[in-house]
Every structure is written in C-alpha cells, then in structure tokens.
Amino acid sequence: MAPVLLHDVLEVEGMRFGVNYGCNKVRFPAPLKVGSKLRLGAEVVGVEDVEGGVQVTLDVTLEAEGSPKPCCVAQVVYRYYS
C-alpha cells in the first residue's frame, strides 16, 4: 500500500522515472483489519546523489483508523533518475 499512497503525499519533479529500490527495515506492530480506513505519513530522512539521479530514503508509517498502534512502520528507498 505504501507505494500507491506515497503518490498522494510526495511529488517529485524533473525526473524521467523512479524505482522502488527496496526497504531498509519493515515492522508490522498491529494487524490491518479488512475495510479499515488507512492513513500514510512519510518523512524524508535522506537524499543522496547516485549515478544519473538521486536516492531518497523515507520513514513511512501506515495507521488504521481506531487502532492504537500503526499497522506498518518502514524505511523505504526510492531512486529517481533524470
């Protein structure tokens, strides 16, 4: 769900294409119940130059409405090429 929802909170301009490069860490502290409303929060924690573009590291939290704990906490890595 994170890659789909990230498009609503993160806009990257001036790139030819982007690649979901992977995850550094993923945790699932609580279950996500079917039909729950889901909210994504993201924070850019790193930007590094790579050949032909940049690598962006994001701390992502997915929360289900009414749950006391997030259903997913992850650090995701994307590469954007110009």
PDB file of N, CA and C in Angstrom:
ATOM      1  N   MET A   1       0.808  -1.199   0.000  1.00  0.00           N
ATOM      2  CA  MET A   1       0.000   0.000   0.000  1.00  0.00           C
ATOM      3  C   MET A   1       0.857   1.271   0.000  1.00  0.00           C
ATOM      4  N   ALA A   2       2.014   1.226   0.603  1.00  0.00           N
ATOM      5  CA  ALA A   2       2.829   2.441   0.724  1.00  0.00           C
ATOM      6  C   ALA A   2       3.178   3.065  -0.629  1.00  0.00           C
ATOM      7  N   PRO A   3       3.637   2.304  -1.625  1.00  0.00           N
ATOM      8  CA  PRO A   3       3.965   2.946  -2.907  1.00  0.00           C
ATOM      9  C   PRO A   3       2.770   3.662  -3.542  1.00  0.00           C
ATOM     10  N   VAL A   4       1.596   3.095  -3.423  1.00  0.00           N
ATOM     11  CA  VAL A   4       0.402   3.721  -4.005  1.00  0.00           C
ATOM     12  C   VAL A   4       0.059   5.001  -3.255  1.00  0.00           C
ATOM     13  N   LEU A   5       0.056   4.964  -1.934  1.00  0.00           N
ATOM     14  CA  LEU A   5      -0.324   6.125  -1.126  1.00  0.00           C
ATOM     15  C   LEU A   5       0.733   7.227  -1.137  1.00  0.00           C
ATOM     16  N   LEU A   6       1.995   6.871  -1.353  1.00  0.00           N
ATOM     17  CA  LEU A   6       3.060   7.883  -1.380  1.00  0.00           C
ATOM     18  C   LEU A   6       2.840   8.916  -2.477  1.00  0.00           C
ATOM     19  N   HIS A   7       2.212   8.516  -3.564  1.00  0.00           N
ATOM     20  CA  HIS A   7       1.955   9.458  -4.653  1.00  0.00           C
ATOM     21  C   HIS A   7       1.034  10.596  -4.207  1.00  0.00           C
ATOM     22  N   ASP A   8       0.259  10.380  -3.147  1.00  0.00           N
ATOM     23  CA  ASP A   8      -0.627  11.420  -2.626  1.00  0.00           C
ATOM     24  C   ASP A   8       0.089  12.410  -1.712  1.00  0.00           C
ATOM     25  N   VAL A   9       1.240  12.034  -1.160  1.00  0.00           N
ATOM     26  CA  VAL A   9       1.927  12.911  -0.201  1.00  0.00           C
ATOM     27  C   VAL A   9       3.305  13.375  -0.664  1.00  0.00           C
ATOM     28  N   LEU A  10       3.827  12.807  -1.741  1.00  0.00           N
ATOM     29  CA  LEU A  10       5.172  13.146  -2.210  1.00  0.00           C
ATOM     30  C   LEU A  10       5.131  13.419  -3.702  1.00  0.00           C
ATOM     31  N   GLU A  11       5.619  14.591  -4.093  1.00  0.00           N
ATOM     32  CA  GLU A  11       5.683  14.944  -5.511  1.00  0.00           C
ATOM     33  C   GLU A  11       7.138  15.160  -5.886  1.00  0.00           C
ATOM     34  N   VAL A  12       7.588  14.455  -6.907  1.00  0.00           N
ATOM     35  CA  VAL A  12       8.963  14.586  -7.386  1.00  0.00           C
ATOM     36  C   VAL A  12       8.895  15.117  -8.810  1.00  0.00           C
ATOM     37  N   GLU A  13       9.560  16.240  -9.053  1.00  0.00           N
ATOM     38  CA  GLU A  13       9.532  16.875 -10.368  1.00  0.00           C
ATOM     39  C   GLU A  13      10.872  16.719 -11.070  1.00  0.00           C
ATOM     40  N   GLY A  14      10.848  16.759 -12.386  1.00  0.00           N
ATOM     41  CA  GLY A  14      12.071  16.762 -13.181  1.00  0.00           C
ATOM     42  C   GLY A  14      12.751  15.419 -13.297  1.00  0.00           C
ATOM     43  N   MET A  15      11.995  14.346 -13.200  1.00  0.00           N
ATOM     44  CA  MET A  15      12.596  13.016 -13.324  1.00  0.00           C
ATOM     45  C   MET A  15      12.022  12.309 -14.540  1.00  0.00           C
ATOM     46  N   ARG A  16      12.814  11.431 -15.117  1.00  0.00           N
ATOM     47  CA  ARG A  16      12.330  10.590 -16.212  1.00  0.00           C
ATOM     48  C   ARG A  16      11.567   9.402 -15.668  1.00  0.00           C
ATOM     49  N   PHE A  17      12.128   8.779 -14.614  1.00  0.00           N
ATOM     50  CA  PHE A  17      11.445   7.639 -13.995  1.00  0.00           C
ATOM     51  C   PHE A  17      11.958   7.427 -12.580  1.00  0.00           C
ATOM     52  N   GLY A  18      11.146   6.729 -11.792  1.00  0.00           N
ATOM     53  CA  GLY A  18      11.506   6.397 -10.418  1.00  0.00           C
ATOM     54  C   GLY A  18      11.422   4.902 -10.200  1.00  0.00           C
ATOM     55  N   VAL A  19      12.233   4.409  -9.280  1.00  0.00           N
ATOM     56  CA  VAL A  19      12.297   2.987  -8.988  1.00  0.00           C
ATOM     57  C   VAL A  19      12.151   2.775  -7.482  1.00  0.00           C
ATOM     58  N   ASN A  20      11.247   1.878  -7.094  1.00  0.00           N
ATOM     59  CA  ASN A  20      11.165   1.453  -5.696  1.00  0.00           C
ATOM     60  C   ASN A  20      12.385   0.571  -5.470  1.00  0.00           C
ATOM     61  N   TYR A  21      13.395   1.105  -4.780  1.00  0.00           N
ATOM     62  CA  TYR A  21      14.686   0.426  -4.638  1.00  0.00           C
ATOM     63  C   TYR A  21      14.694  -0.597  -3.506  1.00  0.00           C
ATOM     64  N   GLY A  22      13.703  -0.523  -2.598  1.00  0.00           N
ATOM     65  CA  GLY A  22      13.619  -1.518  -1.544  1.00  0.00           C
ATOM     66  C   GLY A  22      13.344  -0.919  -0.176  1.00  0.00           C
ATOM     67  N   CYS A  23      13.503  -1.758   0.842  1.00  0.00           N
ATOM     68  CA  CYS A  23      13.251  -1.354   2.225  1.00  0.00           C
ATOM     69  C   CYS A  23      14.474  -1.652   3.079  1.00  0.00           C
ATOM     70  N   ASN A  24      14.797  -0.733   3.979  1.00  0.00           N
ATOM     71  CA  ASN A  24      15.863  -0.986   4.939  1.00  0.00           C
ATOM     72  C   ASN A  24      15.327  -1.725   6.162  1.00  0.00           C
ATOM     73  N   LYS A  25      14.096  -1.393   6.538  1.00  0.00           N
ATOM     74  CA  LYS A  25      13.508  -2.005   7.736  1.00  0.00           C
ATOM     75  C   LYS A  25      11.995  -1.942   7.621  1.00  0.00           C
ATOM     76  N   VAL A  26      11.315  -3.031   7.986  1.00  0.00           N
ATOM     77  CA  VAL A  26       9.854  -3.080   7.956  1.00  0.00           C
ATOM     78  C   VAL A  26       9.368  -3.779   9.215  1.00  0.00           C
ATOM     79  N   ARG A  27       8.366  -3.174   9.878  1.00  0.00           N
ATOM     80  CA  ARG A  27       7.758  -3.778  11.069  1.00  0.00           C
ATOM     81  C   ARG A  27       6.245  -3.685  10.938  1.00  0.00           C
ATOM     82  N   PHE A  28       5.530  -4.675  11.492  1.00  0.00           N
ATOM     83  CA  PHE A  28       4.071  -4.713  11.489  1.00  0.00           C
ATOM     84  C   PHE A  28       3.571  -4.815  12.932  1.00  0.00           C
ATOM     85  N   PRO A  29       3.491  -3.673  13.656  1.00  0.00           N
ATOM     86  CA  PRO A  29       3.119  -3.692  15.076  1.00  0.00           C
ATOM     87  C   PRO A  29       1.673  -4.085  15.360  1.00  0.00           C
ATOM     88  N   ALA A  30       0.766  -3.902  14.388  1.00  0.00           N
ATOM     89  CA  ALA A  30      -0.650  -4.215  14.611  1.00  0.00           C
ATOM     90  C   ALA A  30      -1.266  -4.702  13.301  1.00  0.00           C
ATOM     91  N   PRO A  31      -2.311  -5.520  13.388  1.00  0.00           N
ATOM     92  CA  PRO A  31      -2.960  -6.001  12.166  1.00  0.00           C
ATOM     93  C   PRO A  31      -3.779  -4.896  11.499  1.00  0.00           C
ATOM     94  N   LEU A  32      -3.980  -5.037  10.206  1.00  0.00           N
ATOM     95  CA  LEU A  32      -4.859  -4.152   9.449  1.00  0.00           C
ATOM     96  C   LEU A  32      -6.123  -4.934   9.136  1.00  0.00           C
ATOM     97  N   LYS A  33      -7.234  -4.494   9.703  1.00  0.00           N
ATOM     98  CA  LYS A  33      -8.499  -5.191   9.507  1.00  0.00           C
ATOM     99  C   LYS A  33      -9.115  -4.817   8.165  1.00  0.00           C
ATOM    100  N   VAL A  34      -9.738  -5.777   7.519  1.00  0.00           N
ATOM    101  CA  VAL A  34     -10.394  -5.559   6.236  1.00  0.00           C
ATOM    102  C   VAL A  34     -11.413  -4.433   6.365  1.00  0.00           C
ATOM    103  N   GLY A  35     -11.389  -3.497   5.419  1.00  0.00           N
ATOM    104  CA  GLY A  35     -12.341  -2.392   5.413  1.00  0.00           C
ATOM    105  C   GLY A  35     -11.920  -1.185   6.229  1.00  0.00           C
ATOM    106  N   SER A  36     -10.779  -1.262   6.921  1.00  0.00           N
ATOM    107  CA  SER A  36     -10.309  -0.127   7.731  1.00  0.00           C
ATOM    108  C   SER A  36      -9.873   1.029   6.839  1.00  0.00           C
ATOM    109  N   LYS A  37     -10.071   2.245   7.326  1.00  0.00           N
ATOM    110  CA  LYS A  37      -9.533   3.415   6.651  1.00  0.00           C
ATOM    111  C   LYS A  37      -8.052   3.501   7.002  1.00  0.00           C
ATOM    112  N   LEU A  38      -7.255   3.797   6.004  1.00  0.00           N
ATOM    113  CA  LEU A  38      -5.810   3.781   6.158  1.00  0.00           C
ATOM    114  C   LEU A  38      -5.247   5.172   5.909  1.00  0.00           C
ATOM    115  N   ARG A  39      -4.260   5.570   6.732  1.00  0.00           N
ATOM    116  CA  ARG A  39      -3.596   6.862   6.583  1.00  0.00           C
ATOM    117  C   ARG A  39      -2.096   6.634   6.527  1.00  0.00           C
ATOM    118  N   LEU A  40      -1.421   7.341   5.627  1.00  0.00           N
ATOM    119  CA  LEU A  40       0.025   7.214   5.479  1.00  0.00           C
ATOM    120  C   LEU A  40       0.695   8.516   5.879  1.00  0.00           C
ATOM    121  N   GLY A  41       1.746   8.412   6.667  1.00  0.00           N
ATOM    122  CA  GLY A  41       2.604   9.544   6.984  1.00  0.00           C
ATOM    123  C   GLY A  41       4.002   9.226   6.486  1.00  0.00           C
ATOM    124  N   ALA A  42       4.698  10.213   5.944  1.00  0.00           N
ATOM    125  CA  ALA A  42       6.041   9.979   5.419  1.00  0.00           C
ATOM    126  C   ALA A  42       6.941  11.159   5.736  1.00  0.00           C
ATOM    127  N   GLU A  43       8.196  10.848   6.022  1.00  0.00           N
ATOM    128  CA  GLU A  43       9.200  11.869   6.302  1.00  0.00           C
ATOM    129  C   GLU A  43      10.455  11.531   5.511  1.00  0.00           C
ATOM    130  N   VAL A  44      10.957  12.503   4.750  1.00  0.00           N
ATOM    131  CA  VAL A  44      12.209  12.313   4.023  1.00  0.00           C
ATOM    132  C   VAL A  44      13.346  12.382   5.040  1.00  0.00           C
ATOM    133  N   VAL A  45      14.120  11.296   5.144  1.00  0.00           N
ATOM    134  CA  VAL A  45      15.218  11.264   6.115  1.00  0.00           C
ATOM    135  C   VAL A  45      16.596  11.241   5.460  1.00  0.00           C
ATOM    136  N   GLY A  46      16.621  11.121   4.134  1.00  0.00           N
ATOM    137  CA  GLY A  46      17.906  11.138   3.453  1.00  0.00           C
ATOM    138  C   GLY A  46      17.755  11.309   1.959  1.00  0.00           C
ATOM    139  N   VAL A  47      18.685  12.085   1.371  1.00  0.00           N
ATOM    140  CA  VAL A  47      18.762  12.246  -0.075  1.00  0.00           C
ATOM    141  C   VAL A  47      20.233  12.152  -0.446  1.00  0.00           C
ATOM    142  N   GLU A  48      20.553  11.208  -1.341  1.00  0.00           N
ATOM    143  CA  GLU A  48      21.945  11.001  -1.754  1.00  0.00           C
ATOM    144  C   GLU A  48      22.025  11.009  -3.269  1.00  0.00           C
ATOM    145  N   ASP A  49      23.089  11.583  -3.798  1.00  0.00           N
ATOM    146  CA  ASP A  49      23.333  11.505  -5.236  1.00  0.00           C
ATOM    147  C   ASP A  49      23.759  10.092  -5.607  1.00  0.00           C
ATOM    148  N   VAL A  50      23.198   9.589  -6.702  1.00  0.00           N
ATOM    149  CA  VAL A  50      23.629   8.326  -7.301  1.00  0.00           C
ATOM    150  C   VAL A  50      23.840   8.608  -8.783  1.00  0.00           C
ATOM    151  N   GLU A  51      24.526   7.729  -9.473  1.00  0.00           N
ATOM    152  CA  GLU A  51      24.802   7.946 -10.887  1.00  0.00           C
ATOM    153  C   GLU A  51      23.503   8.124 -11.671  1.00  0.00           C
ATOM    154  N   GLY A  52      23.328   9.305 -12.246  1.00  0.00           N
ATOM    155  CA  GLY A  52      22.150   9.578 -13.059  1.00  0.00           C
ATOM    156  C   GLY A  52      20.937  10.092 -12.316  1.00  0.00           C
ATOM    157  N   GLY A  53      21.029  10.249 -10.969  1.00  0.00           N
ATOM    158  CA  GLY A  53      19.852  10.708 -10.231  1.00  0.00           C
ATOM    159  C   GLY A  53      20.103  10.850  -8.753  1.00  0.00           C
ATOM    160  N   VAL A  54      19.055  10.610  -7.972  1.00  0.00           N
ATOM    161  CA  VAL A  54      19.155  10.702  -6.517  1.00  0.00           C
ATOM    162  C   VAL A  54      18.471   9.499  -5.873  1.00  0.00           C
ATOM    163  N   GLN A  55      18.939   9.168  -4.684  1.00  0.00           N
ATOM    164  CA  GLN A  55      18.310   8.135  -3.860  1.00  0.00           C
ATOM    165  C   GLN A  55      17.671   8.826  -2.664  1.00  0.00           C
ATOM    166  N   VAL A  56      16.388   8.540  -2.457  1.00  0.00           N
ATOM    167  CA  VAL A  56      15.629   9.174  -1.376  1.00  0.00           C
ATOM    168  C   VAL A  56      15.208   8.098  -0.379  1.00  0.00           C
ATOM    169  N   THR A  57      15.495   8.320   0.894  1.00  0.00           N
ATOM    170  CA  THR A  57      15.097   7.410   1.962  1.00  0.00           C
ATOM    171  C   THR A  57      13.982   8.074   2.764  1.00  0.00           C
ATOM    172  N   LEU A  58      12.894   7.314   2.984  1.00  0.00           N
ATOM    173  CA  LEU A  58      11.714   7.833   3.669  1.00  0.00           C
ATOM    174  C   LEU A  58      11.353   6.945   4.844  1.00  0.00           C
ATOM    175  N   ASP A  59      11.001   7.564   5.966  1.00  0.00           N
ATOM    176  CA  ASP A  59      10.380   6.841   7.077  1.00  0.00           C
ATOM    177  C   ASP A  59       8.874   6.916   6.858  1.00  0.00           C
ATOM    178  N   VAL A  60       8.229   5.765   6.760  1.00  0.00           N
ATOM    179  CA  VAL A  60       6.811   5.686   6.428  1.00  0.00           C
ATOM    180  C   VAL A  60       6.060   5.002   7.566  1.00  0.00           C
ATOM    181  N   THR A  61       4.882   5.556   7.910  1.00  0.00           N
ATOM    182  CA  THR A  61       4.005   4.963   8.916  1.00  0.00           C
ATOM    183  C   THR A  61       2.611   4.825   8.327  1.00  0.00           C
ATOM    184  N   LEU A  62       2.060   3.614   8.392  1.00  0.00           N
ATOM    185  CA  LEU A  62       0.688   3.352   7.959  1.00  0.00           C
ATOM    186  C   LEU A  62      -0.158   3.111   9.197  1.00  0.00           C
ATOM    187  N   GLU A  63      -1.228   3.900   9.337  1.00  0.00           N
ATOM    188  CA  GLU A  63      -2.100   3.806  10.507  1.00  0.00           C
ATOM    189  C   GLU A  63      -3.516   3.463  10.074  1.00  0.00           C
ATOM    190  N   ALA A  64      -4.143   2.563  10.806  1.00  0.00           N
ATOM    191  CA  ALA A  64      -5.542   2.223  10.578  1.00  0.00           C
ATOM    192  C   ALA A  64      -6.403   3.009  11.556  1.00  0.00           C
ATOM    193  N   GLU A  65      -7.513   3.542  11.073  1.00  0.00           N
ATOM    194  CA  GLU A  65      -8.412   4.312  11.924  1.00  0.00           C
ATOM    195  C   GLU A  65      -8.891   3.471  13.101  1.00  0.00           C
ATOM    196  N   GLY A  66      -8.766   4.021  14.314  1.00  0.00           N
ATOM    197  CA  GLY A  66      -9.226   3.349  15.516  1.00  0.00           C
ATOM    198  C   GLY A  66      -8.218   2.405  16.154  1.00  0.00           C
ATOM    199  N   SER A  67      -7.070   2.200  15.516  1.00  0.00           N
ATOM    200  CA  SER A  67      -6.051   1.308  16.069  1.00  0.00           C
ATOM    201  C   SER A  67      -5.083   2.123  16.928  1.00  0.00           C
ATOM    202  N   PRO A  68      -4.741   1.631  18.129  1.00  0.00           N
ATOM    203  CA  PRO A  68      -3.816   2.378  18.985  1.00  0.00           C
ATOM    204  C   PRO A  68      -2.366   2.342  18.488  1.00  0.00           C
ATOM    205  N   LYS A  69      -2.027   1.362  17.650  1.00  0.00           N
ATOM    206  CA  LYS A  69      -0.679   1.229  17.106  1.00  0.00           C
ATOM    207  C   LYS A  69      -0.735   1.306  15.582  1.00  0.00           C
ATOM    208  N   PRO A  70       0.353   1.742  14.955  1.00  0.00           N
ATOM    209  CA  PRO A  70       0.380   1.704  13.491  1.00  0.00           C
ATOM    210  C   PRO A  70       0.391   0.254  12.994  1.00  0.00           C
ATOM    211  N   CYS A  71      -0.122   0.038  11.796  1.00  0.00           N
ATOM    212  CA  CYS A  71      -0.118  -1.322  11.255  1.00  0.00           C
ATOM    213  C   CYS A  71       1.184  -1.616  10.513  1.00  0.00           C
ATOM    214  N   CYS A  72       1.919  -0.575  10.106  1.00  0.00           N
ATOM    215  CA  CYS A  72       3.208  -0.790   9.454  1.00  0.00           C
ATOM    216  C   CYS A  72       4.094   0.423   9.686  1.00  0.00           C
ATOM    217  N   VAL A  73       5.355   0.151  10.016  1.00  0.00           N
ATOM    218  CA  VAL A  73       6.383   1.181  10.132  1.00  0.00           C
ATOM    219  C   VAL A  73       7.549   0.694   9.288  1.00  0.00           C
ATOM    220  N   ALA A  74       7.983   1.520   8.330  1.00  0.00           N
ATOM    221  CA  ALA A  74       9.022   1.052   7.408  1.00  0.00           C
ATOM    222  C   ALA A  74       9.943   2.195   7.012  1.00  0.00           C
ATOM    223  N   GLN A  75      11.137   1.830   6.586  1.00  0.00           N
ATOM    224  CA  GLN A  75      12.039   2.777   5.959  1.00  0.00           C
ATOM    225  C   GLN A  75      12.199   2.294   4.516  1.00  0.00           C
ATOM    226  N   VAL A  76      11.707   3.102   3.579  1.00  0.00           N
ATOM    227  CA  VAL A  76      11.704   2.709   2.173  1.00  0.00           C
ATOM    228  C   VAL A  76      12.693   3.568   1.388  1.00  0.00           C
ATOM    229  N   VAL A  77      13.210   2.994   0.303  1.00  0.00           N
ATOM    230  CA  VAL A  77      14.222   3.656  -0.501  1.00  0.00           C
ATOM    231  C   VAL A  77      13.737   3.714  -1.954  1.00  0.00           C
ATOM    232  N   TYR A  78      13.779   4.908  -2.531  1.00  0.00           N
ATOM    233  CA  TYR A  78      13.422   5.105  -3.934  1.00  0.00           C
ATOM    234  C   TYR A  78      14.602   5.754  -4.648  1.00  0.00           C
ATOM    235  N   ARG A  79      14.733   5.434  -5.922  1.00  0.00           N
ATOM    236  CA  ARG A  79      15.710   6.111  -6.766  1.00  0.00           C
ATOM    237  C   ARG A  79      14.963   6.816  -7.880  1.00  0.00           C
ATOM    238  N   TYR A  80      15.331   8.075  -8.096  1.00  0.00           N
ATOM    239  CA  TYR A  80      14.726   8.891  -9.140  1.00  0.00           C
ATOM    240  C   TYR A  80      15.813   9.302 -10.116  1.00  0.00           C
ATOM    241  N   TYR A  81      15.569   9.031 -11.395  1.00  0.00           N
ATOM    242  CA  TYR A  81      16.558   9.309 -12.433  1.00  0.00           C
ATOM    243  C   TYR A  81      16.060  10.414 -13.348  1.00  0.00           C
ATOM    244  N   SER A  82      16.998  11.326 -13.703  1.00  0.00           N
ATOM    245  CA  SER A  82      16.633  12.460 -14.551  1.00  0.00           C
ATOM    246  C   SER A  82      17.051  12.238 -15.990  1.00  0.00           C
TER     247      SER A  82
END
